[in-house]
Amino acid sequence: MVGRTKGYRKPKENYVKEYQYELRLLASGLSLKIVSKITGRSVNTLRKLKQYI
């Protein structure tokens, strides 16, 4: 098999470490679209990150 195993998800610690700047912007109250434009990250990625705030 090639690729990620089925159902794989990064641990919370990895997300927090990798996306510190994005999490800080989201925590400050900015919208997903604004943070997406600032950082260049996908809105769906930011949606996943929002659960860690």
PDB file of N, CA and C in Angstrom:
ATOM      1  N   MET A   1       0.839  -1.190   0.000  1.00  0.00           N
ATOM      2  CA  MET A   1       0.000   0.000   0.000  1.00  0.00           C
ATOM      3  C   MET A   1       0.878   1.246   0.000  1.00  0.00           C
ATOM      4  N   VAL A   2       0.351   2.263  -0.580  1.00  0.00           N
ATOM      5  CA  VAL A   2       1.067   3.524  -0.677  1.00  0.00           C
ATOM      6  C   VAL A   2       0.212   4.617  -0.044  1.00  0.00           C
ATOM      7  N   GLY A   3       0.835   5.563   0.614  1.00  0.00           N
ATOM      8  CA  GLY A   3       0.099   6.690   1.174  1.00  0.00           C
ATOM      9  C   GLY A   3      -0.221   6.499   2.647  1.00  0.00           C
ATOM     10  N   ARG A   4      -1.126   7.362   3.122  1.00  0.00           N
ATOM     11  CA  ARG A   4      -1.509   7.306   4.539  1.00  0.00           C
ATOM     12  C   ARG A   4      -2.416   6.118   4.802  1.00  0.00           C
ATOM     13  N   THR A   5      -2.359   5.614   6.026  1.00  0.00           N
ATOM     14  CA  THR A   5      -3.253   4.533   6.400  1.00  0.00           C
ATOM     15  C   THR A   5      -4.661   5.075   6.560  1.00  0.00           C
ATOM     16  N   LYS A   6      -5.636   4.246   6.362  1.00  0.00           N
ATOM     17  CA  LYS A   6      -7.029   4.666   6.414  1.00  0.00           C
ATOM     18  C   LYS A   6      -7.385   5.176   7.815  1.00  0.00           C
ATOM     19  N   GLY A   7      -8.010   6.339   7.858  1.00  0.00           N
ATOM     20  CA  GLY A   7      -8.432   6.910   9.125  1.00  0.00           C
ATOM     21  C   GLY A   7      -7.337   7.648   9.874  1.00  0.00           C
ATOM     22  N   TYR A   8      -6.184   7.848   9.246  1.00  0.00           N
ATOM     23  CA  TYR A   8      -5.068   8.510   9.916  1.00  0.00           C
ATOM     24  C   TYR A   8      -5.368   9.977  10.146  1.00  0.00           C
ATOM     25  N   ARG A   9      -5.017  10.477  11.313  1.00  0.00           N
ATOM     26  CA  ARG A   9      -5.121  11.892  11.638  1.00  0.00           C
ATOM     27  C   ARG A   9      -3.918  12.302  12.458  1.00  0.00           C
ATOM     28  N   LYS A  10      -3.391  13.487  12.174  1.00  0.00           N
ATOM     29  CA  LYS A  10      -2.261  13.980  12.956  1.00  0.00           C
ATOM     30  C   LYS A  10      -2.714  14.217  14.385  1.00  0.00           C
ATOM     31  N   PRO A  11      -1.825  13.993  15.347  1.00  0.00           N
ATOM     32  CA  PRO A  11      -2.160  14.326  16.734  1.00  0.00           C
ATOM     33  C   PRO A  11      -2.324  15.834  16.902  1.00  0.00           C
ATOM     34  N   LYS A  12      -3.101  16.227  17.888  1.00  0.00           N
ATOM     35  CA  LYS A  12      -3.385  17.641  18.152  1.00  0.00           C
ATOM     36  C   LYS A  12      -2.099  18.442  18.326  1.00  0.00           C
ATOM     37  N   GLU A  13      -1.126  17.872  19.008  1.00  0.00           N
ATOM     38  CA  GLU A  13       0.131  18.578  19.273  1.00  0.00           C
ATOM     39  C   GLU A  13       0.830  18.977  17.974  1.00  0.00           C
ATOM     40  N   ASN A  14       0.762  18.104  16.964  1.00  0.00           N
ATOM     41  CA  ASN A  14       1.396  18.412  15.682  1.00  0.00           C
ATOM     42  C   ASN A  14       0.707  19.581  14.990  1.00  0.00           C
ATOM     43  N   TYR A  15      -0.635  19.607  15.025  1.00  0.00           N
ATOM     44  CA  TYR A  15      -1.374  20.710  14.416  1.00  0.00           C
ATOM     45  C   TYR A  15      -1.031  22.026  15.108  1.00  0.00           C
ATOM     46  N   VAL A  16      -1.026  22.018  16.429  1.00  0.00           N
ATOM     47  CA  VAL A  16      -0.758  23.240  17.197  1.00  0.00           C
ATOM     48  C   VAL A  16       0.652  23.745  16.901  1.00  0.00           C
ATOM     49  N   LYS A  17       1.593  22.832  16.794  1.00  0.00           N
ATOM     50  CA  LYS A  17       2.986  23.209  16.526  1.00  0.00           C
ATOM     51  C   LYS A  17       3.152  23.753  15.102  1.00  0.00           C
ATOM     52  N   GLU A  18       2.506  23.096  14.138  1.00  0.00           N
ATOM     53  CA  GLU A  18       2.676  23.447  12.725  1.00  0.00           C
ATOM     54  C   GLU A  18       1.929  24.722  12.334  1.00  0.00           C
ATOM     55  N   TYR A  19       0.803  24.981  12.982  1.00  0.00           N
ATOM     56  CA  TYR A  19      -0.058  26.101  12.584  1.00  0.00           C
ATOM     57  C   TYR A  19      -0.216  27.131  13.698  1.00  0.00           C
ATOM     58  N   GLN A  20       0.853  27.477  14.390  1.00  0.00           N
ATOM     59  CA  GLN A  20       0.783  28.420  15.506  1.00  0.00           C
ATOM     60  C   GLN A  20       0.243  29.778  15.071  1.00  0.00           C
ATOM     61  N   TYR A  21       0.744  30.301  13.971  1.00  0.00           N
ATOM     62  CA  TYR A  21       0.341  31.624  13.506  1.00  0.00           C
ATOM     63  C   TYR A  21      -1.145  31.651  13.143  1.00  0.00           C
ATOM     64  N   GLU A  22      -1.597  30.633  12.415  1.00  0.00           N
ATOM     65  CA  GLU A  22      -2.996  30.555  12.014  1.00  0.00           C
ATOM     66  C   GLU A  22      -3.920  30.461  13.228  1.00  0.00           C
ATOM     67  N   LEU A  23      -3.529  29.660  14.206  1.00  0.00           N
ATOM     68  CA  LEU A  23      -4.332  29.517  15.417  1.00  0.00           C
ATOM     69  C   LEU A  23      -4.417  30.834  16.188  1.00  0.00           C
ATOM     70  N   ARG A  24      -3.306  31.579  16.214  1.00  0.00           N
ATOM     71  CA  ARG A  24      -3.306  32.861  16.908  1.00  0.00           C
ATOM     72  C   ARG A  24      -4.261  33.846  16.223  1.00  0.00           C
ATOM     73  N   LEU A  25      -4.267  33.864  14.881  1.00  0.00           N
ATOM     74  CA  LEU A  25      -5.170  34.750  14.146  1.00  0.00           C
ATOM     75  C   LEU A  25      -6.631  34.360  14.368  1.00  0.00           C
ATOM     76  N   LEU A  26      -6.912  33.056  14.332  1.00  0.00           N
ATOM     77  CA  LEU A  26      -8.284  32.593  14.552  1.00  0.00           C
ATOM     78  C   LEU A  26      -8.754  32.925  15.963  1.00  0.00           C
ATOM     79  N   ALA A  27      -7.875  32.780  16.930  1.00  0.00           N
ATOM     80  CA  ALA A  27      -8.224  33.058  18.326  1.00  0.00           C
ATOM     81  C   ALA A  27      -8.499  34.548  18.541  1.00  0.00           C
ATOM     82  N   SER A  28      -7.887  35.385  17.717  1.00  0.00           N
ATOM     83  CA  SER A  28      -8.104  36.828  17.862  1.00  0.00           C
ATOM     84  C   SER A  28      -9.460  37.265  17.326  1.00  0.00           C
ATOM     85  N   GLY A  29     -10.186  36.348  16.678  1.00  0.00           N
ATOM     86  CA  GLY A  29     -11.542  36.660  16.237  1.00  0.00           C
ATOM     87  C   GLY A  29     -11.689  36.933  14.756  1.00  0.00           C
ATOM     88  N   LEU A  30     -10.620  36.800  13.979  1.00  0.00           N
ATOM     89  CA  LEU A  30     -10.719  37.020  12.540  1.00  0.00           C
ATOM     90  C   LEU A  30     -11.496  35.882  11.883  1.00  0.00           C
ATOM     91  N   SER A  31     -12.153  36.181  10.764  1.00  0.00           N
ATOM     92  CA  SER A  31     -12.943  35.165  10.076  1.00  0.00           C
ATOM     93  C   SER A  31     -12.029  34.194   9.325  1.00  0.00           C
ATOM     94  N   LEU A  32     -12.601  33.048   8.952  1.00  0.00           N
ATOM     95  CA  LEU A  32     -11.846  32.028   8.235  1.00  0.00           C
ATOM     96  C   LEU A  32     -11.319  32.563   6.912  1.00  0.00           C
ATOM     97  N   LYS A  33     -12.157  33.312   6.189  1.00  0.00           N
ATOM     98  CA  LYS A  33     -11.747  33.824   4.879  1.00  0.00           C
ATOM     99  C   LYS A  33     -10.606  34.833   4.991  1.00  0.00           C
ATOM    100  N   ILE A  34     -10.664  35.683   5.990  1.00  0.00           N
ATOM    101  CA  ILE A  34      -9.602  36.678   6.171  1.00  0.00           C
ATOM    102  C   ILE A  34      -8.292  35.989   6.531  1.00  0.00           C
ATOM    103  N   VAL A  35      -8.348  35.032   7.451  1.00  0.00           N
ATOM    104  CA  VAL A  35      -7.136  34.302   7.845  1.00  0.00           C
ATOM    105  C   VAL A  35      -6.588  33.525   6.650  1.00  0.00           C
ATOM    106  N   SER A  36      -7.474  32.983   5.825  1.00  0.00           N
ATOM    107  CA  SER A  36      -7.059  32.256   4.635  1.00  0.00           C
ATOM    108  C   SER A  36      -6.302  33.168   3.674  1.00  0.00           C
ATOM    109  N   LYS A  37      -6.785  34.377   3.482  1.00  0.00           N
ATOM    110  CA  LYS A  37      -6.116  35.321   2.585  1.00  0.00           C
ATOM    111  C   LYS A  37      -4.762  35.756   3.143  1.00  0.00           C
ATOM    112  N   ILE A  38      -4.689  35.954   4.457  1.00  0.00           N
ATOM    113  CA  ILE A  38      -3.434  36.386   5.089  1.00  0.00           C
ATOM    114  C   ILE A  38      -2.365  35.295   4.999  1.00  0.00           C
ATOM    115  N   THR A  39      -2.762  34.053   5.302  1.00  0.00           N
ATOM    116  CA  THR A  39      -1.786  32.969   5.438  1.00  0.00           C
ATOM    117  C   THR A  39      -1.623  32.114   4.183  1.00  0.00           C
ATOM    118  N   GLY A  40      -2.616  32.139   3.298  1.00  0.00           N
ATOM    119  CA  GLY A  40      -2.555  31.286   2.121  1.00  0.00           C
ATOM    120  C   GLY A  40      -2.989  29.860   2.388  1.00  0.00           C
ATOM    121  N   ARG A  41      -3.539  29.606   3.569  1.00  0.00           N
ATOM    122  CA  ARG A  41      -4.031  28.262   3.916  1.00  0.00           C
ATOM    123  C   ARG A  41      -5.465  28.103   3.432  1.00  0.00           C
ATOM    124  N   SER A  42      -5.843  26.876   3.188  1.00  0.00           N
ATOM    125  CA  SER A  42      -7.197  26.568   2.754  1.00  0.00           C
ATOM    126  C   SER A  42      -8.196  26.824   3.884  1.00  0.00           C
ATOM    127  N   VAL A  43      -9.408  27.245   3.498  1.00  0.00           N
ATOM    128  CA  VAL A  43     -10.465  27.483   4.491  1.00  0.00           C
ATOM    129  C   VAL A  43     -10.790  26.182   5.220  1.00  0.00           C
ATOM    130  N   ASN A  44     -10.763  25.065   4.512  1.00  0.00           N
ATOM    131  CA  ASN A  44     -11.063  23.780   5.150  1.00  0.00           C
ATOM    132  C   ASN A  44     -10.002  23.394   6.177  1.00  0.00           C
ATOM    133  N   THR A  45      -8.749  23.706   5.900  1.00  0.00           N
ATOM    134  CA  THR A  45      -7.681  23.467   6.884  1.00  0.00           C
ATOM    135  C   THR A  45      -7.927  24.307   8.123  1.00  0.00           C
ATOM    136  N   LEU A  46      -8.286  25.575   7.916  1.00  0.00           N
ATOM    137  CA  LEU A  46      -8.547  26.475   9.040  1.00  0.00           C
ATOM    138  C   LEU A  46      -9.756  26.020   9.837  1.00  0.00           C
ATOM    139  N   ARG A  47     -10.743  25.459   9.158  1.00  0.00           N
ATOM    140  CA  ARG A  47     -11.924  24.931   9.847  1.00  0.00           C
ATOM    141  C   ARG A  47     -11.525  23.805  10.798  1.00  0.00           C
ATOM    142  N   LYS A  48     -10.610  22.951  10.342  1.00  0.00           N
ATOM    143  CA  LYS A  48     -10.108  21.869  11.198  1.00  0.00           C
ATOM    144  C   LYS A  48      -9.370  22.440  12.406  1.00  0.00           C
ATOM    145  N   LEU A  49      -8.589  23.488  12.166  1.00  0.00           N
ATOM    146  CA  LEU A  49      -7.794  24.076  13.241  1.00  0.00           C
ATOM    147  C   LEU A  49      -8.659  24.753  14.281  1.00  0.00           C
ATOM    148  N   LYS A  50      -9.800  25.295  13.877  1.00  0.00           N
ATOM    149  CA  LYS A  50     -10.658  26.058  14.773  1.00  0.00           C
ATOM    150  C   LYS A  50     -11.116  25.221  15.969  1.00  0.00           C
ATOM    151  N   GLN A  51     -11.196  23.912  15.804  1.00  0.00           N
ATOM    152  CA  GLN A  51     -11.630  23.052  16.911  1.00  0.00           C
ATOM    153  C   GLN A  51     -10.568  22.968  18.009  1.00  0.00           C
ATOM    154  N   TYR A  52      -9.332  23.386  17.730  1.00  0.00           N
ATOM    155  CA  TYR A  52      -8.257  23.307  18.712  1.00  0.00           C
ATOM    156  C   TYR A  52      -8.086  24.593  19.500  1.00  0.00           C
ATOM    157  N   ILE A  53      -8.970  25.561  19.298  1.00  0.00           N
ATOM    158  CA  ILE A  53      -8.874  26.832  20.031  1.00  0.00           C
ATOM    159  C   ILE A  53      -9.572  26.689  21.362  1.00  0.00           C
TER     160      ILE A  53
END
